[in-house]
Amino acid sequence: MSVNASSSEAFEGWGLCHGSDVDFVEITETTPADLIARARAMCASCPLLIGCLRYLEGHDVAGFAGGMFEAQRKAWQDRNDYEVPVVTMADVSEVNELRGAILDGLPATRGDLKGTDDPRLTPEAVNVVLRMTHAGFAAQEIVDRLNNPHITHRTVNYLRHRYQQHPPREVVMTRMLVGWAQRKAG
């Protein structure tokens, strides 16, 4: 999980995984057993394991981290009621790139998520509309790029009016996570 001090206050340096010849991002349950054993041994002997686990209480990372596979971490997080915000490609992509494959599968309504008729928009859809609005996109361009029957010109204008000054909590949290991810990448 290569984490440095700026990733979390719990860390005071680099973990043993940093700079290792083992690519922790690529380790899955189907990785050869000897490589999994090496990764587990590194995590078990790492002086930052406790800090890594604390970080994982509220963050999601790809691959093997904290001595666990992604599915194991998810079960551990669920078992301990840790809330881990989901960050999608739409969240971390530049606004000009929001189209096509990045937006395919964006759940526009809560009904899309649950398989019901619930017409309320998801925080993800609201976030994308507000990001595009903030970047200066016209309502029709947003509708065209999203290409979703639930997001109309009227919907975009309503969201602009309703949330421009006071965005919903989920949107604010997503913006904070996206800012953090972009600072880490940059």
N, C-alpha and C. Protein backbone atom coordinates (compact mmCIF):
# COMPACT_ATOMS: atom_id res chain seq x y z
N MET A 1 0.83 -1.19 0.00
CA MET A 1 0.00 0.00 0.00
C MET A 1 0.86 1.24 0.00
N SER A 2 2.08 1.28 -0.11
CA SER A 2 2.93 2.47 -0.21
C SER A 2 2.29 3.76 0.26
N VAL A 3 2.35 4.02 1.52
CA VAL A 3 1.76 5.24 2.07
C VAL A 3 2.86 6.02 2.75
N ASN A 4 2.86 7.33 2.55
CA ASN A 4 3.86 8.15 3.21
C ASN A 4 3.22 9.04 4.26
N ALA A 5 3.99 9.87 4.90
CA ALA A 5 3.51 10.67 6.02
C ALA A 5 2.37 11.59 5.65
N SER A 6 2.32 12.11 4.44
CA SER A 6 1.27 13.05 4.10
C SER A 6 -0.07 12.36 3.89
N SER A 7 -0.11 11.04 3.78
CA SER A 7 -1.36 10.34 3.57
C SER A 7 -2.21 10.28 4.82
N SER A 8 -1.60 10.20 5.96
CA SER A 8 -2.33 10.10 7.21
C SER A 8 -1.41 10.51 8.34
N GLU A 9 -2.00 11.16 9.33
CA GLU A 9 -1.20 11.58 10.48
C GLU A 9 -0.66 10.38 11.24
N ALA A 10 -1.28 9.21 11.06
CA ALA A 10 -0.85 8.02 11.79
C ALA A 10 0.50 7.51 11.28
N PHE A 11 0.91 7.92 10.10
CA PHE A 11 2.13 7.41 9.51
C PHE A 11 3.27 8.38 9.76
N GLU A 12 4.44 7.82 10.06
CA GLU A 12 5.60 8.68 10.30
C GLU A 12 6.71 8.40 9.30
N GLY A 13 6.45 7.67 8.28
CA GLY A 13 7.46 7.34 7.28
C GLY A 13 6.88 6.44 6.24
N TRP A 14 7.72 5.65 5.61
CA TRP A 14 7.27 4.73 4.58
C TRP A 14 7.08 3.35 5.16
N GLY A 15 6.04 2.66 4.69
CA GLY A 15 5.83 1.27 5.07
C GLY A 15 6.82 0.39 4.33
N LEU A 16 6.94 -0.86 4.77
CA LEU A 16 7.85 -1.81 4.11
C LEU A 16 7.43 -2.08 2.68
N CYS A 17 6.15 -1.87 2.37
CA CYS A 17 5.68 -2.12 1.00
C CYS A 17 6.22 -1.10 0.02
N HIS A 18 6.58 0.09 0.50
CA HIS A 18 7.08 1.12 -0.39
C HIS A 18 8.45 0.73 -0.93
N GLY A 19 8.56 0.76 -2.25
CA GLY A 19 9.84 0.44 -2.88
C GLY A 19 10.12 -1.05 -2.97
N SER A 20 9.18 -1.85 -2.50
CA SER A 20 9.37 -3.30 -2.56
C SER A 20 9.21 -3.79 -3.99
N ASP A 21 9.77 -4.96 -4.28
CA ASP A 21 9.58 -5.55 -5.61
C ASP A 21 8.22 -6.24 -5.72
N VAL A 22 7.47 -6.28 -4.63
CA VAL A 22 6.11 -6.83 -4.64
C VAL A 22 5.14 -5.70 -4.94
N ASP A 23 4.33 -5.87 -5.98
CA ASP A 23 3.35 -4.86 -6.37
C ASP A 23 2.05 -5.13 -5.60
N PHE A 24 1.86 -4.45 -4.48
CA PHE A 24 0.72 -4.68 -3.61
C PHE A 24 -0.61 -4.38 -4.29
N VAL A 25 -0.62 -3.48 -5.26
CA VAL A 25 -1.87 -3.15 -5.96
C VAL A 25 -2.36 -4.33 -6.79
N GLU A 26 -1.44 -5.12 -7.30
CA GLU A 26 -1.80 -6.23 -8.19
C GLU A 26 -2.09 -7.53 -7.45
N ILE A 27 -1.89 -7.59 -6.14
CA ILE A 27 -2.08 -8.84 -5.41
C ILE A 27 -3.57 -9.07 -5.16
N THR A 28 -4.04 -10.25 -5.60
CA THR A 28 -5.42 -10.67 -5.38
C THR A 28 -5.41 -12.09 -4.83
N GLU A 29 -6.60 -12.64 -4.60
CA GLU A 29 -6.71 -14.00 -4.11
C GLU A 29 -6.13 -15.02 -5.10
N THR A 30 -6.01 -14.64 -6.38
CA THR A 30 -5.50 -15.57 -7.40
C THR A 30 -3.99 -15.43 -7.64
N THR A 31 -3.36 -14.52 -6.91
CA THR A 31 -1.91 -14.35 -7.02
C THR A 31 -1.22 -15.61 -6.49
N PRO A 32 -0.09 -16.01 -7.06
CA PRO A 32 0.63 -17.19 -6.55
C PRO A 32 0.87 -17.11 -5.03
N ALA A 33 0.72 -18.25 -4.39
CA ALA A 33 0.80 -18.32 -2.92
C ALA A 33 2.10 -17.78 -2.36
N ASP A 34 3.24 -18.00 -3.04
CA ASP A 34 4.52 -17.52 -2.51
C ASP A 34 4.57 -16.00 -2.47
N LEU A 35 3.96 -15.34 -3.46
CA LEU A 35 3.92 -13.88 -3.49
C LEU A 35 2.99 -13.34 -2.40
N ILE A 36 1.86 -14.00 -2.21
CA ILE A 36 0.94 -13.60 -1.13
C ILE A 36 1.63 -13.75 0.22
N ALA A 37 2.37 -14.84 0.40
CA ALA A 37 3.09 -15.07 1.67
C ALA A 37 4.11 -13.97 1.92
N ARG A 38 4.83 -13.55 0.87
CA ARG A 38 5.81 -12.46 1.02
C ARG A 38 5.12 -11.16 1.42
N ALA A 39 3.98 -10.88 0.78
CA ALA A 39 3.24 -9.65 1.10
C ALA A 39 2.73 -9.69 2.54
N ARG A 40 2.17 -10.81 2.95
CA ARG A 40 1.67 -10.95 4.33
C ARG A 40 2.82 -10.80 5.34
N ALA A 41 3.97 -11.38 5.03
CA ALA A 41 5.13 -11.28 5.93
C ALA A 41 5.59 -9.83 6.05
N MET A 42 5.59 -9.10 4.92
CA MET A 42 5.97 -7.69 4.97
C MET A 42 5.00 -6.90 5.84
N CYS A 43 3.70 -7.12 5.65
CA CYS A 43 2.70 -6.40 6.45
C CYS A 43 2.84 -6.77 7.93
N ALA A 44 3.02 -8.05 8.21
CA ALA A 44 3.11 -8.51 9.60
C ALA A 44 4.31 -7.91 10.34
N SER A 45 5.40 -7.67 9.63
CA SER A 45 6.59 -7.14 10.28
C SER A 45 6.76 -5.63 10.10
N CYS A 46 5.80 -4.99 9.45
CA CYS A 46 5.91 -3.55 9.18
C CYS A 46 5.65 -2.74 10.45
N PRO A 47 6.53 -1.79 10.76
CA PRO A 47 6.32 -0.97 11.95
C PRO A 47 5.11 -0.03 11.81
N LEU A 48 4.59 0.12 10.60
CA LEU A 48 3.45 1.01 10.37
C LEU A 48 2.13 0.27 10.23
N LEU A 49 2.09 -1.03 10.56
CA LEU A 49 0.87 -1.81 10.37
C LEU A 49 -0.32 -1.19 11.11
N ILE A 50 -0.15 -0.78 12.34
CA ILE A 50 -1.26 -0.20 13.11
C ILE A 50 -1.72 1.10 12.44
N GLY A 51 -0.80 1.93 12.02
CA GLY A 51 -1.17 3.16 11.32
C GLY A 51 -1.87 2.86 10.00
N CYS A 52 -1.40 1.83 9.31
CA CYS A 52 -2.02 1.41 8.05
C CYS A 52 -3.46 0.97 8.31
N LEU A 53 -3.67 0.17 9.34
CA LEU A 53 -5.03 -0.30 9.66
C LEU A 53 -5.94 0.87 10.06
N ARG A 54 -5.39 1.81 10.81
CA ARG A 54 -6.19 3.00 11.16
C ARG A 54 -6.59 3.76 9.91
N TYR A 55 -5.66 3.90 8.99
CA TYR A 55 -5.95 4.58 7.73
C TYR A 55 -7.05 3.85 6.97
N LEU A 56 -6.97 2.52 6.95
CA LEU A 56 -7.94 1.71 6.21
C LEU A 56 -9.32 1.71 6.85
N GLU A 57 -9.44 2.17 8.10
CA GLU A 57 -10.76 2.28 8.73
C GLU A 57 -11.67 3.22 7.96
N GLY A 58 -11.09 4.22 7.31
CA GLY A 58 -11.91 5.21 6.62
C GLY A 58 -11.54 5.45 5.18
N HIS A 59 -10.65 4.62 4.63
CA HIS A 59 -10.22 4.82 3.24
C HIS A 59 -10.19 3.48 2.52
N ASP A 60 -10.37 3.54 1.23
CA ASP A 60 -10.29 2.34 0.41
C ASP A 60 -9.08 2.46 -0.49
N VAL A 61 -8.36 1.39 -0.64
CA VAL A 61 -7.21 1.36 -1.53
C VAL A 61 -7.30 0.10 -2.39
N ALA A 62 -6.61 0.11 -3.49
CA ALA A 62 -6.62 -1.04 -4.39
C ALA A 62 -5.60 -2.07 -3.94
N GLY A 63 -5.91 -3.32 -4.18
CA GLY A 63 -4.95 -4.38 -3.94
C GLY A 63 -4.87 -4.84 -2.49
N PHE A 64 -3.68 -5.23 -2.10
CA PHE A 64 -3.41 -5.83 -0.80
C PHE A 64 -2.91 -4.75 0.15
N ALA A 65 -3.53 -4.59 1.31
CA ALA A 65 -3.09 -3.59 2.28
C ALA A 65 -3.51 -4.02 3.67
N GLY A 66 -2.69 -3.68 4.64
CA GLY A 66 -3.01 -4.04 6.02
C GLY A 66 -3.05 -5.54 6.24
N GLY A 67 -2.36 -6.28 5.38
CA GLY A 67 -2.35 -7.74 5.50
C GLY A 67 -3.60 -8.40 4.96
N MET A 68 -4.43 -7.65 4.21
CA MET A 68 -5.71 -8.18 3.73
C MET A 68 -5.92 -7.89 2.25
N PHE A 69 -6.67 -8.79 1.61
CA PHE A 69 -7.15 -8.55 0.26
C PHE A 69 -8.30 -7.54 0.33
N GLU A 70 -8.70 -7.01 -0.82
CA GLU A 70 -9.79 -6.03 -0.86
C GLU A 70 -11.07 -6.60 -0.24
N ALA A 71 -11.44 -7.83 -0.60
CA ALA A 71 -12.68 -8.43 -0.07
C ALA A 71 -12.58 -8.61 1.45
N GLN A 72 -11.41 -9.00 1.94
CA GLN A 72 -11.23 -9.16 3.38
C GLN A 72 -11.33 -7.83 4.10
N ARG A 73 -10.75 -6.77 3.50
CA ARG A 73 -10.85 -5.43 4.12
C ARG A 73 -12.29 -4.97 4.15
N LYS A 74 -13.02 -5.22 3.06
CA LYS A 74 -14.42 -4.82 3.01
C LYS A 74 -15.21 -5.50 4.12
N ALA A 75 -15.01 -6.80 4.31
CA ALA A 75 -15.69 -7.55 5.38
C ALA A 75 -15.29 -6.99 6.75
N TRP A 76 -14.01 -6.70 6.93
CA TRP A 76 -13.50 -6.14 8.18
C TRP A 76 -14.12 -4.76 8.44
N GLN A 77 -14.17 -3.92 7.40
CA GLN A 77 -14.78 -2.59 7.54
C GLN A 77 -16.25 -2.70 7.88
N ASP A 78 -16.96 -3.60 7.20
CA ASP A 78 -18.39 -3.79 7.47
C ASP A 78 -18.62 -4.31 8.89
N ARG A 79 -17.82 -5.29 9.29
CA ARG A 79 -17.95 -5.90 10.62
C ARG A 79 -17.74 -4.86 11.73
N ASN A 80 -16.87 -3.89 11.49
CA ASN A 80 -16.55 -2.87 12.49
C ASN A 80 -17.28 -1.56 12.25
N ASP A 81 -18.24 -1.56 11.32
CA ASP A 81 -19.05 -0.37 11.00
C ASP A 81 -18.21 0.84 10.58
N TYR A 82 -17.12 0.59 9.85
CA TYR A 82 -16.32 1.68 9.32
C TYR A 82 -16.98 2.17 8.03
N GLU A 83 -17.18 3.46 7.91
CA GLU A 83 -17.78 4.04 6.71
C GLU A 83 -16.65 4.44 5.76
N VAL A 84 -16.62 3.82 4.60
CA VAL A 84 -15.60 4.12 3.60
C VAL A 84 -16.28 4.73 2.39
N PRO A 85 -16.04 6.03 2.15
CA PRO A 85 -16.67 6.65 0.98
C PRO A 85 -16.14 6.03 -0.31
N VAL A 86 -17.03 5.87 -1.27
CA VAL A 86 -16.65 5.31 -2.55
C VAL A 86 -16.27 6.46 -3.48
N VAL A 87 -15.11 6.37 -4.08
CA VAL A 87 -14.67 7.36 -5.05
C VAL A 87 -14.62 6.67 -6.40
N THR A 88 -15.32 7.24 -7.38
CA THR A 88 -15.43 6.62 -8.70
C THR A 88 -14.56 7.36 -9.72
N MET A 89 -14.47 6.81 -10.92
CA MET A 89 -13.74 7.47 -12.00
C MET A 89 -14.35 8.84 -12.29
N ALA A 90 -15.66 8.96 -12.19
CA ALA A 90 -16.32 10.25 -12.43
C ALA A 90 -15.86 11.27 -11.40
N ASP A 91 -15.57 10.82 -10.17
CA ASP A 91 -15.13 11.74 -9.11
C ASP A 91 -13.73 12.28 -9.37
N VAL A 92 -12.84 11.46 -9.88
CA VAL A 92 -11.43 11.87 -10.00
C VAL A 92 -11.04 12.31 -11.41
N SER A 93 -11.97 12.22 -12.35
CA SER A 93 -11.67 12.67 -13.71
C SER A 93 -11.86 14.17 -13.83
N GLU A 94 -11.07 14.77 -14.71
CA GLU A 94 -11.26 16.19 -15.00
C GLU A 94 -12.66 16.38 -15.59
N VAL A 95 -13.28 17.50 -15.31
CA VAL A 95 -14.65 17.73 -15.76
C VAL A 95 -14.77 17.62 -17.28
N ASN A 96 -13.78 18.10 -18.03
CA ASN A 96 -13.85 18.04 -19.50
C ASN A 96 -13.87 16.60 -20.00
N GLU A 97 -13.39 15.66 -19.18
CA GLU A 97 -13.32 14.25 -19.58
C GLU A 97 -14.60 13.49 -19.26
N LEU A 98 -15.54 14.14 -18.59
CA LEU A 98 -16.76 13.44 -18.16
C LEU A 98 -17.70 13.22 -19.33
N ARG A 99 -17.59 12.04 -19.91
CA ARG A 99 -18.46 11.62 -21.01
C ARG A 99 -18.24 10.14 -21.24
N GLY A 100 -19.02 9.57 -22.08
CA GLY A 100 -18.83 8.20 -22.54
C GLY A 100 -18.59 7.18 -21.45
N ALA A 101 -17.50 6.44 -21.59
CA ALA A 101 -17.22 5.30 -20.71
C ALA A 101 -17.12 5.69 -19.24
N ILE A 102 -16.65 6.89 -18.96
CA ILE A 102 -16.52 7.30 -17.56
C ILE A 102 -17.89 7.44 -16.91
N LEU A 103 -18.88 7.90 -17.67
CA LEU A 103 -20.21 8.12 -17.11
C LEU A 103 -21.16 6.94 -17.33
N ASP A 104 -20.78 5.98 -18.16
CA ASP A 104 -21.62 4.80 -18.33
C ASP A 104 -21.74 4.10 -16.98
N GLY A 105 -22.93 3.75 -16.64
CA GLY A 105 -23.14 3.06 -15.37
C GLY A 105 -23.29 3.99 -14.18
N LEU A 106 -23.23 5.30 -14.39
CA LEU A 106 -23.47 6.24 -13.29
C LEU A 106 -24.91 6.08 -12.85
N PRO A 107 -25.16 5.65 -11.61
CA PRO A 107 -26.55 5.51 -11.18
C PRO A 107 -27.16 6.89 -10.98
N ALA A 108 -28.17 7.22 -11.78
CA ALA A 108 -28.77 8.54 -11.71
C ALA A 108 -29.79 8.63 -10.58
N THR A 109 -30.56 7.56 -10.37
CA THR A 109 -31.58 7.61 -9.31
C THR A 109 -31.30 6.52 -8.29
N ARG A 110 -31.89 6.71 -7.12
CA ARG A 110 -31.74 5.69 -6.08
C ARG A 110 -32.41 4.39 -6.51
N GLY A 111 -33.44 4.52 -7.36
CA GLY A 111 -34.09 3.33 -7.92
C GLY A 111 -33.15 2.53 -8.78
N ASP A 112 -32.25 3.22 -9.50
CA ASP A 112 -31.25 2.52 -10.32
C ASP A 112 -30.37 1.63 -9.44
N LEU A 113 -30.08 2.12 -8.25
CA LEU A 113 -29.21 1.37 -7.33
C LEU A 113 -29.93 0.18 -6.72
N LYS A 114 -31.22 0.36 -6.38
CA LYS A 114 -31.96 -0.66 -5.65
C LYS A 114 -32.87 -1.51 -6.52
N GLY A 115 -33.00 -1.16 -7.79
CA GLY A 115 -33.93 -1.89 -8.65
C GLY A 115 -35.37 -1.56 -8.33
N THR A 116 -35.63 -0.33 -7.89
CA THR A 116 -36.99 0.10 -7.55
C THR A 116 -37.36 1.30 -8.40
N ASP A 117 -38.50 1.89 -8.10
CA ASP A 117 -38.96 3.07 -8.83
C ASP A 117 -38.62 4.38 -8.11
N ASP A 118 -37.72 4.36 -7.14
CA ASP A 118 -37.37 5.56 -6.38
C ASP A 118 -36.75 6.59 -7.31
N PRO A 119 -37.42 7.75 -7.52
CA PRO A 119 -36.94 8.72 -8.51
C PRO A 119 -35.88 9.70 -7.99
N ARG A 120 -35.55 9.65 -6.69
CA ARG A 120 -34.59 10.62 -6.16
C ARG A 120 -33.21 10.40 -6.76
N LEU A 121 -32.56 11.50 -7.11
CA LEU A 121 -31.22 11.41 -7.70
C LEU A 121 -30.21 10.95 -6.67
N THR A 122 -29.20 10.22 -7.14
CA THR A 122 -28.13 9.78 -6.26
C THR A 122 -27.17 10.94 -6.00
N PRO A 123 -26.45 10.92 -4.88
CA PRO A 123 -25.44 11.96 -4.63
C PRO A 123 -24.39 12.00 -5.75
N GLU A 124 -24.08 10.83 -6.35
CA GLU A 124 -23.10 10.80 -7.43
C GLU A 124 -23.57 11.61 -8.63
N ALA A 125 -24.85 11.46 -8.99
CA ALA A 125 -25.39 12.21 -10.13
C ALA A 125 -25.44 13.70 -9.83
N VAL A 126 -25.86 14.05 -8.62
CA VAL A 126 -25.89 15.47 -8.22
C VAL A 126 -24.48 16.05 -8.27
N ASN A 127 -23.52 15.30 -7.77
CA ASN A 127 -22.13 15.75 -7.75
C ASN A 127 -21.63 16.04 -9.16
N VAL A 128 -21.90 15.14 -10.10
CA VAL A 128 -21.43 15.33 -11.48
C VAL A 128 -22.07 16.57 -12.09
N VAL A 129 -23.38 16.73 -11.90
CA VAL A 129 -24.08 17.90 -12.44
C VAL A 129 -23.50 19.19 -11.85
N LEU A 130 -23.27 19.21 -10.56
CA LEU A 130 -22.73 20.43 -9.92
C LEU A 130 -21.29 20.70 -10.34
N ARG A 131 -20.49 19.65 -10.51
CA ARG A 131 -19.11 19.86 -10.98
C ARG A 131 -19.10 20.44 -12.39
N MET A 132 -19.98 19.92 -13.24
CA MET A 132 -20.04 20.41 -14.62
C MET A 132 -20.58 21.84 -14.64
N THR A 133 -21.53 22.13 -13.77
CA THR A 133 -22.05 23.49 -13.67
C THR A 133 -20.96 24.45 -13.25
N HIS A 134 -20.22 24.06 -12.22
CA HIS A 134 -19.13 24.89 -11.70
C HIS A 134 -18.06 25.14 -12.77
N ALA A 135 -17.88 24.18 -13.66
CA ALA A 135 -16.88 24.32 -14.74
C ALA A 135 -17.41 25.14 -15.91
N GLY A 136 -18.67 25.57 -15.84
CA GLY A 136 -19.21 26.45 -16.87
C GLY A 136 -19.97 25.77 -18.00
N PHE A 137 -20.30 24.50 -17.84
CA PHE A 137 -21.07 23.81 -18.87
C PHE A 137 -22.50 24.32 -18.88
N ALA A 138 -23.06 24.46 -20.07
CA ALA A 138 -24.47 24.83 -20.22
C ALA A 138 -25.33 23.63 -19.84
N ALA A 139 -26.56 23.91 -19.42
CA ALA A 139 -27.46 22.84 -18.99
C ALA A 139 -27.64 21.79 -20.09
N GLN A 140 -27.83 22.22 -21.32
CA GLN A 140 -28.04 21.26 -22.40
C GLN A 140 -26.80 20.40 -22.63
N GLU A 141 -25.62 20.97 -22.49
CA GLU A 141 -24.40 20.19 -22.67
C GLU A 141 -24.28 19.13 -21.57
N ILE A 142 -24.68 19.47 -20.35
CA ILE A 142 -24.67 18.50 -19.25
C ILE A 142 -25.63 17.36 -19.57
N VAL A 143 -26.84 17.71 -20.00
CA VAL A 143 -27.84 16.70 -20.36
C VAL A 143 -27.30 15.78 -21.47
N ASP A 144 -26.70 16.38 -22.48
CA ASP A 144 -26.16 15.60 -23.60
C ASP A 144 -25.03 14.68 -23.16
N ARG A 145 -24.12 15.18 -22.33
CA ARG A 145 -22.99 14.35 -21.88
C ARG A 145 -23.45 13.21 -20.98
N LEU A 146 -24.39 13.48 -20.08
CA LEU A 146 -24.86 12.43 -19.17
C LEU A 146 -25.72 11.40 -19.89
N ASN A 147 -26.45 11.86 -20.90
CA ASN A 147 -27.25 10.95 -21.72
C ASN A 147 -28.04 9.96 -20.87
N ASN A 148 -28.79 10.49 -19.90
CA ASN A 148 -29.58 9.67 -19.00
C ASN A 148 -31.00 10.23 -18.98
N PRO A 149 -32.01 9.40 -19.18
CA PRO A 149 -33.39 9.91 -19.25
C PRO A 149 -33.86 10.58 -17.96
N HIS A 150 -33.22 10.30 -16.84
CA HIS A 150 -33.62 10.90 -15.57
C HIS A 150 -33.03 12.29 -15.36
N ILE A 151 -32.03 12.65 -16.15
CA ILE A 151 -31.39 13.96 -15.99
C ILE A 151 -31.73 14.80 -17.22
N THR A 152 -32.69 15.70 -17.01
CA THR A 152 -33.19 16.55 -18.09
C THR A 152 -32.71 17.98 -17.88
N HIS A 153 -33.01 18.83 -18.83
CA HIS A 153 -32.69 20.25 -18.73
C HIS A 153 -33.32 20.82 -17.45
N ARG A 154 -34.55 20.44 -17.19
CA ARG A 154 -35.26 20.91 -15.99
C ARG A 154 -34.56 20.42 -14.72
N THR A 155 -34.12 19.17 -14.71
CA THR A 155 -33.41 18.61 -13.56
C THR A 155 -32.13 19.38 -13.28
N VAL A 156 -31.37 19.64 -14.33
CA VAL A 156 -30.10 20.37 -14.18
C VAL A 156 -30.36 21.75 -13.60
N ASN A 157 -31.33 22.45 -14.12
CA ASN A 157 -31.64 23.79 -13.60
C ASN A 157 -32.11 23.75 -12.16
N TYR A 158 -32.90 22.73 -11.80
CA TYR A 158 -33.35 22.58 -10.42
C TYR A 158 -32.14 22.38 -9.50
N LEU A 159 -31.24 21.48 -9.89
CA LEU A 159 -30.07 21.21 -9.05
C LEU A 159 -29.19 22.45 -8.91
N ARG A 160 -29.05 23.18 -9.98
CA ARG A 160 -28.26 24.41 -9.91
C ARG A 160 -28.88 25.38 -8.90
N HIS A 161 -30.18 25.55 -8.99
CA HIS A 161 -30.87 26.48 -8.10
C HIS A 161 -30.84 25.98 -6.65
N ARG A 162 -31.08 24.69 -6.46
CA ARG A 162 -31.22 24.11 -5.12
C ARG A 162 -29.89 23.99 -4.38
N TYR A 163 -28.84 23.57 -5.09
CA TYR A 163 -27.61 23.20 -4.39
C TYR A 163 -26.39 24.08 -4.68
N GLN A 164 -26.48 25.03 -5.53
CA GLN A 164 -25.29 25.79 -5.90
C GLN A 164 -24.66 26.48 -4.68
N GLN A 165 -25.47 27.09 -3.84
CA GLN A 165 -24.93 27.77 -2.67
C GLN A 165 -24.63 26.82 -1.51
N HIS A 166 -25.44 25.77 -1.37
CA HIS A 166 -25.30 24.84 -0.25
C HIS A 166 -25.40 23.41 -0.75
N PRO A 167 -24.30 22.84 -1.25
CA PRO A 167 -24.37 21.48 -1.78
C PRO A 167 -24.66 20.47 -0.67
N PRO A 168 -25.27 19.33 -1.03
CA PRO A 168 -25.55 18.30 -0.03
C PRO A 168 -24.25 17.75 0.58
N ARG A 169 -24.33 17.22 1.78
CA ARG A 169 -23.18 16.71 2.52
C ARG A 169 -22.37 15.71 1.70
N GLU A 170 -23.06 14.79 0.98
CA GLU A 170 -22.35 13.77 0.20
C GLU A 170 -21.49 14.41 -0.88
N VAL A 171 -21.96 15.50 -1.47
CA VAL A 171 -21.20 16.17 -2.52
C VAL A 171 -19.98 16.85 -1.92
N VAL A 172 -20.15 17.48 -0.76
CA VAL A 172 -19.02 18.14 -0.09
C VAL A 172 -17.96 17.10 0.27
N MET A 173 -18.38 15.95 0.81
CA MET A 173 -17.44 14.90 1.18
C MET A 173 -16.71 14.36 -0.05
N THR A 174 -17.44 14.17 -1.15
CA THR A 174 -16.80 13.69 -2.38
C THR A 174 -15.79 14.69 -2.88
N ARG A 175 -16.12 15.98 -2.83
CA ARG A 175 -15.18 17.01 -3.27
C ARG A 175 -13.91 16.98 -2.42
N MET A 176 -14.07 16.78 -1.10
CA MET A 176 -12.91 16.71 -0.22
C MET A 176 -12.04 15.51 -0.59
N LEU A 177 -12.66 14.34 -0.83
CA LEU A 177 -11.90 13.14 -1.19
C LEU A 177 -11.21 13.30 -2.53
N VAL A 178 -11.92 13.90 -3.49
CA VAL A 178 -11.33 14.11 -4.81
C VAL A 178 -10.13 15.05 -4.70
N GLY A 179 -10.27 16.12 -3.93
CA GLY A 179 -9.16 17.05 -3.73
C GLY A 179 -7.96 16.34 -3.11
N TRP A 180 -8.21 15.48 -2.14
CA TRP A 180 -7.14 14.72 -1.50
C TRP A 180 -6.48 13.80 -2.51
N ALA A 181 -7.29 13.09 -3.31
CA ALA A 181 -6.73 12.16 -4.31
C ALA A 181 -5.92 12.90 -5.36
N GLN A 182 -6.39 14.07 -5.78
CA GLN A 182 -5.66 14.83 -6.79
C GLN A 182 -4.35 15.38 -6.23
N ARG A 183 -4.36 15.80 -4.97
CA ARG A 183 -3.11 16.28 -4.35
C ARG A 183 -2.10 15.13 -4.25
N LYS A 184 -2.58 13.91 -3.92
CA LYS A 184 -1.69 12.77 -3.82
C LYS A 184 -1.11 12.41 -5.18
N ALA A 185 -1.93 12.51 -6.24
CA ALA A 185 -1.48 12.14 -7.57
C ALA A 185 -0.54 13.20 -8.16
N GLY A 186 -0.74 14.45 -7.77
CA GLY A 186 0.02 15.56 -8.35
C GLY A 186 1.31 15.74 -7.68
